[in-house]
Amino acid sequence: MIGAICGSRAARMLANDQLSLNDKGGITYGATDEIGLHTVEHRHDVTDIHATILKQLGLDSRKLEVPGRKRLDIDHGQPIDEIIA
């Protein structure tokens, strides 16, 4: 798919190299109880997941706006640095 987006062969090679540099591989982070219902280690909210994704995209959630709508300034979450390559 990267090749379809990038026009030249050099751009495709560069994109593939950049993607592979950030590949941390499969990891296990945290733990749940014996039936997998409750988190018992490294508990995070969905806002932390959002903050992690936005950090990887180079965006600051406090600066994002949707015209005509007010953003909630209650909880922006904290990036989960341990899962970032």
PDB file of N, CA and C in Angstrom:
ATOM      1  N   MET A   1       0.817  -1.191   0.000  1.00  0.00           N
ATOM      2  CA  MET A   1       0.000   0.000   0.000  1.00  0.00           C
ATOM      3  C   MET A   1       0.861   1.255   0.000  1.00  0.00           C
ATOM      4  N   ILE A   2       1.991   1.210   0.720  1.00  0.00           N
ATOM      5  CA  ILE A   2       2.894   2.368   0.733  1.00  0.00           C
ATOM      6  C   ILE A   2       3.365   2.675  -0.683  1.00  0.00           C
ATOM      7  N   GLY A   3       3.665   1.612  -1.438  1.00  0.00           N
ATOM      8  CA  GLY A   3       4.121   1.798  -2.803  1.00  0.00           C
ATOM      9  C   GLY A   3       3.094   2.499  -3.670  1.00  0.00           C
ATOM     10  N   ALA A   4       1.819   2.228  -3.423  1.00  0.00           N
ATOM     11  CA  ALA A   4       0.764   2.875  -4.197  1.00  0.00           C
ATOM     12  C   ALA A   4       0.645   4.352  -3.857  1.00  0.00           C
ATOM     13  N   ILE A   5       0.929   4.690  -2.618  1.00  0.00           N
ATOM     14  CA  ILE A   5       0.830   6.085  -2.186  1.00  0.00           C
ATOM     15  C   ILE A   5       2.034   6.886  -2.666  1.00  0.00           C
ATOM     16  N   CYS A   6       3.219   6.321  -2.546  1.00  0.00           N
ATOM     17  CA  CYS A   6       4.454   7.004  -2.942  1.00  0.00           C
ATOM     18  C   CYS A   6       4.690   6.781  -4.426  1.00  0.00           C
ATOM     19  N   GLY A   7       5.034   7.847  -5.131  1.00  0.00           N
ATOM     20  CA  GLY A   7       5.199   7.756  -6.574  1.00  0.00           C
ATOM     21  C   GLY A   7       6.495   7.090  -7.015  1.00  0.00           C
ATOM     22  N   SER A   8       7.636   7.525  -6.545  1.00  0.00           N
ATOM     23  CA  SER A   8       8.909   7.027  -7.047  1.00  0.00           C
ATOM     24  C   SER A   8       9.411   5.841  -6.230  1.00  0.00           C
ATOM     25  N   ARG A   9      10.302   5.082  -6.829  1.00  0.00           N
ATOM     26  CA  ARG A   9      10.890   3.934  -6.132  1.00  0.00           C
ATOM     27  C   ARG A   9      11.681   4.391  -4.912  1.00  0.00           C
ATOM     28  N   ALA A  10      12.407   5.497  -5.035  1.00  0.00           N
ATOM     29  CA  ALA A  10      13.188   6.014  -3.906  1.00  0.00           C
ATOM     30  C   ALA A  10      12.265   6.401  -2.753  1.00  0.00           C
ATOM     31  N   ALA A  11      11.133   7.012  -3.059  1.00  0.00           N
ATOM     32  CA  ALA A  11      10.181   7.393  -2.011  1.00  0.00           C
ATOM     33  C   ALA A  11       9.605   6.159  -1.339  1.00  0.00           C
ATOM     34  N   ARG A  12       9.321   5.105  -2.126  1.00  0.00           N
ATOM     35  CA  ARG A  12       8.803   3.859  -1.543  1.00  0.00           C
ATOM     36  C   ARG A  12       9.834   3.227  -0.623  1.00  0.00           C
ATOM     37  N   MET A  13      11.108   3.213  -1.052  1.00  0.00           N
ATOM     38  CA  MET A  13      12.159   2.625  -0.227  1.00  0.00           C
ATOM     39  C   MET A  13      12.320   3.415   1.064  1.00  0.00           C
ATOM     40  N   LEU A  14      12.274   4.749   0.975  1.00  0.00           N
ATOM     41  CA  LEU A  14      12.405   5.595   2.154  1.00  0.00           C
ATOM     42  C   LEU A  14      11.238   5.356   3.111  1.00  0.00           C
ATOM     43  N   ALA A  15      10.034   5.281   2.589  1.00  0.00           N
ATOM     44  CA  ALA A  15       8.864   5.044   3.433  1.00  0.00           C
ATOM     45  C   ALA A  15       8.958   3.682   4.113  1.00  0.00           C
ATOM     46  N   ASN A  16       9.388   2.663   3.384  1.00  0.00           N
ATOM     47  CA  ASN A  16       9.520   1.336   3.975  1.00  0.00           C
ATOM     48  C   ASN A  16      10.592   1.315   5.052  1.00  0.00           C
ATOM     49  N   ASP A  17      11.706   2.021   4.843  1.00  0.00           N
ATOM     50  CA  ASP A  17      12.762   2.083   5.849  1.00  0.00           C
ATOM     51  C   ASP A  17      12.279   2.795   7.106  1.00  0.00           C
ATOM     52  N   GLN A  18      11.552   3.876   6.939  1.00  0.00           N
ATOM     53  CA  GLN A  18      11.064   4.623   8.093  1.00  0.00           C
ATOM     54  C   GLN A  18      10.063   3.798   8.890  1.00  0.00           C
ATOM     55  N   LEU A  19       9.221   3.056   8.208  1.00  0.00           N
ATOM     56  CA  LEU A  19       8.244   2.236   8.916  1.00  0.00           C
ATOM     57  C   LEU A  19       8.917   1.109   9.681  1.00  0.00           C
ATOM     58  N   SER A  20       9.933   0.514   9.096  1.00  0.00           N
ATOM     59  CA  SER A  20      10.570  -0.615   9.769  1.00  0.00           C
ATOM     60  C   SER A  20      11.440  -0.165  10.945  1.00  0.00           C
ATOM     61  N   LEU A  21      11.897   1.084  10.954  1.00  0.00           N
ATOM     62  CA  LEU A  21      12.709   1.565  12.066  1.00  0.00           C
ATOM     63  C   LEU A  21      11.907   1.647  13.360  1.00  0.00           C
ATOM     64  N   ASN A  22      10.605   1.892  13.245  1.00  0.00           N
ATOM     65  CA  ASN A  22       9.770   2.059  14.427  1.00  0.00           C
ATOM     66  C   ASN A  22       9.080   0.770  14.844  1.00  0.00           C
ATOM     67  N   ASP A  23       9.428  -0.338  14.263  1.00  0.00           N
ATOM     68  CA  ASP A  23       8.764  -1.599  14.565  1.00  0.00           C
ATOM     69  C   ASP A  23       9.364  -2.213  15.821  1.00  0.00           C
ATOM     70  N   LYS A  24       8.607  -2.181  16.907  1.00  0.00           N
ATOM     71  CA  LYS A  24       9.075  -2.743  18.169  1.00  0.00           C
ATOM     72  C   LYS A  24       8.743  -4.227  18.260  1.00  0.00           C
ATOM     73  N   GLY A  25       7.893  -4.707  17.382  1.00  0.00           N
ATOM     74  CA  GLY A  25       7.479  -6.100  17.443  1.00  0.00           C
ATOM     75  C   GLY A  25       6.379  -6.283  18.469  1.00  0.00           C
ATOM     76  N   GLY A  26       5.936  -7.518  18.637  1.00  0.00           N
ATOM     77  CA  GLY A  26       4.872  -7.800  19.591  1.00  0.00           C
ATOM     78  C   GLY A  26       5.359  -7.701  21.022  1.00  0.00           C
ATOM     79  N   ILE A  27       4.575  -7.059  21.863  1.00  0.00           N
ATOM     80  CA  ILE A  27       4.919  -6.933  23.272  1.00  0.00           C
ATOM     81  C   ILE A  27       3.692  -7.254  24.105  1.00  0.00           C
ATOM     82  N   THR A  28       3.926  -7.616  25.338  1.00  0.00           N
ATOM     83  CA  THR A  28       2.858  -7.767  26.312  1.00  0.00           C
ATOM     84  C   THR A  28       3.018  -6.642  27.320  1.00  0.00           C
ATOM     85  N   TYR A  29       1.937  -5.922  27.545  1.00  0.00           N
ATOM     86  CA  TYR A  29       2.000  -4.781  28.454  1.00  0.00           C
ATOM     87  C   TYR A  29       0.830  -4.887  29.421  1.00  0.00           C
ATOM     88  N   GLY A  30       1.134  -5.011  30.694  1.00  0.00           N
ATOM     89  CA  GLY A  30       0.091  -5.092  31.702  1.00  0.00           C
ATOM     90  C   GLY A  30      -0.386  -6.520  31.919  1.00  0.00           C
ATOM     91  N   ALA A  31      -1.374  -6.657  32.772  1.00  0.00           N
ATOM     92  CA  ALA A  31      -1.929  -7.964  33.097  1.00  0.00           C
ATOM     93  C   ALA A  31      -3.381  -7.802  33.533  1.00  0.00           C
ATOM     94  N   THR A  32      -4.128  -8.889  33.412  1.00  0.00           N
ATOM     95  CA  THR A  32      -5.515  -8.896  33.859  1.00  0.00           C
ATOM     96  C   THR A  32      -5.694  -9.983  34.903  1.00  0.00           C
ATOM     97  N   ASP A  33      -6.886 -10.013  35.487  1.00  0.00           N
ATOM     98  CA  ASP A  33      -7.180 -11.072  36.450  1.00  0.00           C
ATOM     99  C   ASP A  33      -7.283 -12.414  35.729  1.00  0.00           C
ATOM    100  N   GLU A  34      -7.551 -13.465  36.481  1.00  0.00           N
ATOM    101  CA  GLU A  34      -7.514 -14.818  35.913  1.00  0.00           C
ATOM    102  C   GLU A  34      -8.549 -15.060  34.816  1.00  0.00           C
ATOM    103  N   ILE A  35      -9.625 -14.280  34.790  1.00  0.00           N
ATOM    104  CA  ILE A  35     -10.605 -14.469  33.718  1.00  0.00           C
ATOM    105  C   ILE A  35     -10.526 -13.372  32.648  1.00  0.00           C
ATOM    106  N   GLY A  36      -9.585 -12.469  32.784  1.00  0.00           N
ATOM    107  CA  GLY A  36      -9.370 -11.421  31.789  1.00  0.00           C
ATOM    108  C   GLY A  36     -10.393 -10.306  31.828  1.00  0.00           C
ATOM    109  N   LEU A  37     -11.040 -10.116  32.945  1.00  0.00           N
ATOM    110  CA  LEU A  37     -12.090  -9.113  33.047  1.00  0.00           C
ATOM    111  C   LEU A  37     -11.596  -7.766  33.564  1.00  0.00           C
ATOM    112  N   HIS A  38     -10.691  -7.785  34.537  1.00  0.00           N
ATOM    113  CA  HIS A  38     -10.224  -6.548  35.157  1.00  0.00           C
ATOM    114  C   HIS A  38      -8.710  -6.398  35.019  1.00  0.00           C
ATOM    115  N   THR A  39      -8.265  -5.163  34.833  1.00  0.00           N
ATOM    116  CA  THR A  39      -6.839  -4.868  34.758  1.00  0.00           C
ATOM    117  C   THR A  39      -6.244  -4.902  36.156  1.00  0.00           C
ATOM    118  N   VAL A  40      -5.099  -5.588  36.287  1.00  0.00           N
ATOM    119  CA  VAL A  40      -4.433  -5.634  37.589  1.00  0.00           C
ATOM    120  C   VAL A  40      -3.042  -5.009  37.545  1.00  0.00           C
ATOM    121  N   GLU A  41      -2.572  -4.676  36.350  1.00  0.00           N
ATOM    122  CA  GLU A  41      -1.238  -4.092  36.202  1.00  0.00           C
ATOM    123  C   GLU A  41      -1.243  -3.124  35.025  1.00  0.00           C
ATOM    124  N   HIS A  42      -0.665  -1.952  35.193  1.00  0.00           N
ATOM    125  CA  HIS A  42      -0.572  -0.917  34.143  1.00  0.00           C
ATOM    126  C   HIS A  42      -1.948  -0.519  33.620  1.00  0.00           C
ATOM    127  N   ARG A  43      -2.810  -0.063  34.494  1.00  0.00           N
ATOM    128  CA  ARG A  43      -4.158   0.351  34.110  1.00  0.00           C
ATOM    129  C   ARG A  43      -4.120   1.701  33.389  1.00  0.00           C
ATOM    130  N   HIS A  44      -4.810   1.793  32.250  1.00  0.00           N
ATOM    131  CA  HIS A  44      -4.894   3.033  31.467  1.00  0.00           C
ATOM    132  C   HIS A  44      -6.317   3.232  30.982  1.00  0.00           C
ATOM    133  N   ASP A  45      -6.681   4.496  30.807  1.00  0.00           N
ATOM    134  CA  ASP A  45      -7.976   4.851  30.240  1.00  0.00           C
ATOM    135  C   ASP A  45      -7.853   4.997  28.731  1.00  0.00           C
ATOM    136  N   VAL A  46      -8.993   5.066  28.061  1.00  0.00           N
ATOM    137  CA  VAL A  46      -8.994   5.229  26.612  1.00  0.00           C
ATOM    138  C   VAL A  46      -8.341   6.553  26.211  1.00  0.00           C
ATOM    139  N   THR A  47      -8.408   7.567  27.067  1.00  0.00           N
ATOM    140  CA  THR A  47      -7.759   8.840  26.753  1.00  0.00           C
ATOM    141  C   THR A  47      -6.244   8.687  26.663  1.00  0.00           C
ATOM    142  N   ASP A  48      -5.669   7.737  27.405  1.00  0.00           N
ATOM    143  CA  ASP A  48      -4.233   7.464  27.303  1.00  0.00           C
ATOM    144  C   ASP A  48      -3.890   6.842  25.954  1.00  0.00           C
ATOM    145  N   ILE A  49      -4.771   5.972  25.466  1.00  0.00           N
ATOM    146  CA  ILE A  49      -4.574   5.385  24.131  1.00  0.00           C
ATOM    147  C   ILE A  49      -4.630   6.489  23.082  1.00  0.00           C
ATOM    148  N   HIS A  50      -5.609   7.371  23.195  1.00  0.00           N
ATOM    149  CA  HIS A  50      -5.716   8.488  22.257  1.00  0.00           C
ATOM    150  C   HIS A  50      -4.464   9.362  22.304  1.00  0.00           C
ATOM    151  N   ALA A  51      -3.988   9.679  23.505  1.00  0.00           N
ATOM    152  CA  ALA A  51      -2.794  10.514  23.654  1.00  0.00           C
ATOM    153  C   ALA A  51      -1.570   9.834  23.041  1.00  0.00           C
ATOM    154  N   THR A  52      -1.483   8.514  23.165  1.00  0.00           N
ATOM    155  CA  THR A  52      -0.364   7.774  22.594  1.00  0.00           C
ATOM    156  C   THR A  52      -0.386   7.848  21.070  1.00  0.00           C
ATOM    157  N   ILE A  53      -1.563   7.644  20.485  1.00  0.00           N
ATOM    158  CA  ILE A  53      -1.694   7.709  19.024  1.00  0.00           C
ATOM    159  C   ILE A  53      -1.403   9.117  18.521  1.00  0.00           C
ATOM    160  N   LEU A  54      -1.945  10.118  19.191  1.00  0.00           N
ATOM    161  CA  LEU A  54      -1.704  11.502  18.774  1.00  0.00           C
ATOM    162  C   LEU A  54      -0.227  11.863  18.877  1.00  0.00           C
ATOM    163  N   LYS A  55       0.451  11.375  19.908  1.00  0.00           N
ATOM    164  CA  LYS A  55       1.888  11.638  20.054  1.00  0.00           C
ATOM    165  C   LYS A  55       2.658  11.039  18.883  1.00  0.00           C
ATOM    166  N   GLN A  56       2.288   9.831  18.478  1.00  0.00           N
ATOM    167  CA  GLN A  56       2.960   9.186  17.352  1.00  0.00           C
ATOM    168  C   GLN A  56       2.718   9.942  16.050  1.00  0.00           C
ATOM    169  N   LEU A  57       1.578  10.614  15.954  1.00  0.00           N
ATOM    170  CA  LEU A  57       1.263  11.412  14.767  1.00  0.00           C
ATOM    171  C   LEU A  57       1.838  12.824  14.841  1.00  0.00           C
ATOM    172  N   GLY A  58       2.439  13.161  15.981  1.00  0.00           N
ATOM    173  CA  GLY A  58       3.019  14.487  16.149  1.00  0.00           C
ATOM    174  C   GLY A  58       1.996  15.567  16.434  1.00  0.00           C
ATOM    175  N   LEU A  59       0.839  15.182  16.999  1.00  0.00           N
ATOM    176  CA  LEU A  59      -0.229  16.133  17.287  1.00  0.00           C
ATOM    177  C   LEU A  59      -0.387  16.343  18.789  1.00  0.00           C
ATOM    178  N   ASP A  60      -0.820  17.534  19.159  1.00  0.00           N
ATOM    179  CA  ASP A  60      -1.101  17.864  20.558  1.00  0.00           C
ATOM    180  C   ASP A  60      -2.610  17.969  20.711  1.00  0.00           C
ATOM    181  N   SER A  61      -3.205  17.125  21.537  1.00  0.00           N
ATOM    182  CA  SER A  61      -4.663  17.090  21.673  1.00  0.00           C
ATOM    183  C   SER A  61      -5.227  18.413  22.176  1.00  0.00           C
ATOM    184  N   ARG A  62      -4.438  19.179  22.904  1.00  0.00           N
ATOM    185  CA  ARG A  62      -4.936  20.450  23.424  1.00  0.00           C
ATOM    186  C   ARG A  62      -5.050  21.519  22.343  1.00  0.00           C
ATOM    187  N   LYS A  63      -4.407  21.286  21.205  1.00  0.00           N
ATOM    188  CA  LYS A  63      -4.459  22.258  20.118  1.00  0.00           C
ATOM    189  C   LYS A  63      -5.438  21.847  19.014  1.00  0.00           C
ATOM    190  N   LEU A  64      -6.012  20.666  19.108  1.00  0.00           N
ATOM    191  CA  LEU A  64      -6.966  20.221  18.105  1.00  0.00           C
ATOM    192  C   LEU A  64      -8.318  20.869  18.348  1.00  0.00           C
ATOM    193  N   GLU A  65      -8.944  21.355  17.277  1.00  0.00           N
ATOM    194  CA  GLU A  65     -10.247  21.994  17.382  1.00  0.00           C
ATOM    195  C   GLU A  65     -11.140  21.545  16.243  1.00  0.00           C
ATOM    196  N   VAL A  66     -12.413  21.475  16.514  1.00  0.00           N
ATOM    197  CA  VAL A  66     -13.418  21.249  15.489  1.00  0.00           C
ATOM    198  C   VAL A  66     -14.227  22.537  15.410  1.00  0.00           C
ATOM    199  N   PRO A  67     -14.258  23.192  14.248  1.00  0.00           N
ATOM    200  CA  PRO A  67     -14.979  24.465  14.147  1.00  0.00           C
ATOM    201  C   PRO A  67     -16.433  24.327  14.611  1.00  0.00           C
ATOM    202  N   GLY A  68     -16.868  25.252  15.467  1.00  0.00           N
ATOM    203  CA  GLY A  68     -18.231  25.252  15.951  1.00  0.00           C
ATOM    204  C   GLY A  68     -18.477  24.370  17.161  1.00  0.00           C
ATOM    205  N   ARG A  69     -17.450  23.672  17.629  1.00  0.00           N
ATOM    206  CA  ARG A  69     -17.608  22.798  18.800  1.00  0.00           C
ATOM    207  C   ARG A  69     -16.545  23.122  19.837  1.00  0.00           C
ATOM    208  N   LYS A  70     -16.933  23.037  21.078  1.00  0.00           N
ATOM    209  CA  LYS A  70     -15.984  23.273  22.157  1.00  0.00           C
ATOM    210  C   LYS A  70     -15.352  21.948  22.579  1.00  0.00           C
ATOM    211  N   ARG A  71     -14.042  21.923  22.718  1.00  0.00           N
ATOM    212  CA  ARG A  71     -13.350  20.717  23.176  1.00  0.00           C
ATOM    213  C   ARG A  71     -13.435  20.617  24.681  1.00  0.00           C
ATOM    214  N   LEU A  72     -13.559  19.402  25.149  1.00  0.00           N
ATOM    215  CA  LEU A  72     -13.532  19.182  26.586  1.00  0.00           C
ATOM    216  C   LEU A  72     -12.091  19.273  27.072  1.00  0.00           C
ATOM    217  N   ASP A  73     -11.859  20.054  28.085  1.00  0.00           N
ATOM    218  CA  ASP A  73     -10.513  20.229  28.615  1.00  0.00           C
ATOM    219  C   ASP A  73     -10.317  19.482  29.925  1.00  0.00           C
ATOM    220  N   ILE A  74     -11.101  18.438  30.130  1.00  0.00           N
ATOM    221  CA  ILE A  74     -11.042  17.724  31.401  1.00  0.00           C
ATOM    222  C   ILE A  74      -9.854  16.760  31.450  1.00  0.00           C
ATOM    223  N   ASP A  75      -9.793  15.825  30.516  1.00  0.00           N
ATOM    224  CA  ASP A  75      -8.745  14.799  30.556  1.00  0.00           C
ATOM    225  C   ASP A  75      -8.245  14.508  29.146  1.00  0.00           C
ATOM    226  N   HIS A  76      -7.003  14.851  28.902  1.00  0.00           N
ATOM    227  CA  HIS A  76      -6.400  14.583  27.606  1.00  0.00           C
ATOM    228  C   HIS A  76      -5.593  13.293  27.618  1.00  0.00           C
ATOM    229  N   GLY A  77      -5.413  12.689  28.760  1.00  0.00           N
ATOM    230  CA  GLY A  77      -4.641  11.469  28.861  1.00  0.00           C
ATOM    231  C   GLY A  77      -3.149  11.703  28.815  1.00  0.00           C
ATOM    232  N   GLN A  78      -2.402  10.681  29.133  1.00  0.00           N
ATOM    233  CA  GLN A  78      -0.939  10.699  29.073  1.00  0.00           C
ATOM    234  C   GLN A  78      -0.472   9.617  28.121  1.00  0.00           C
ATOM    235  N   PRO A  79       0.452   9.919  27.209  1.00  0.00           N
ATOM    236  CA  PRO A  79       0.957   8.880  26.300  1.00  0.00           C
ATOM    237  C   PRO A  79       1.578   7.730  27.087  1.00  0.00           C
ATOM    238  N   ILE A  80       1.398   6.536  26.595  1.00  0.00           N
ATOM    239  CA  ILE A  80       1.962   5.342  27.226  1.00  0.00           C
ATOM    240  C   ILE A  80       3.317   5.102  26.554  1.00  0.00           C
ATOM    241  N   ASP A  81       4.359   5.721  27.104  1.00  0.00           N
ATOM    242  CA  ASP A  81       5.682   5.677  26.488  1.00  0.00           C
ATOM    243  C   ASP A  81       6.277   4.276  26.452  1.00  0.00           C
ATOM    244  N   GLU A  82       5.872   3.404  27.363  1.00  0.00           N
ATOM    245  CA  GLU A  82       6.434   2.061  27.422  1.00  0.00           C
ATOM    246  C   GLU A  82       6.084   1.211  26.210  1.00  0.00           C
ATOM    247  N   ILE A  83       5.013   1.555  25.483  1.00  0.00           N
ATOM    248  CA  ILE A  83       4.644   0.748  24.329  1.00  0.00           C
ATOM    249  C   ILE A  83       5.083   1.372  23.021  1.00  0.00           C
ATOM    250  N   ILE A  84       5.717   2.553  23.096  1.00  0.00           N
ATOM    251  CA  ILE A  84       6.192   3.230  21.898  1.00  0.00           C
ATOM    252  C   ILE A  84       7.620   2.772  21.605  1.00  0.00           C
ATOM    253  N   ALA A  85       7.836   2.421  20.337  1.00  0.00           N
ATOM    254  CA  ALA A  85       9.176   1.946  19.933  1.00  0.00           C
ATOM    255  C   ALA A  85      10.173   3.082  19.970  1.00  0.00           C
TER     256      ALA A  85
END
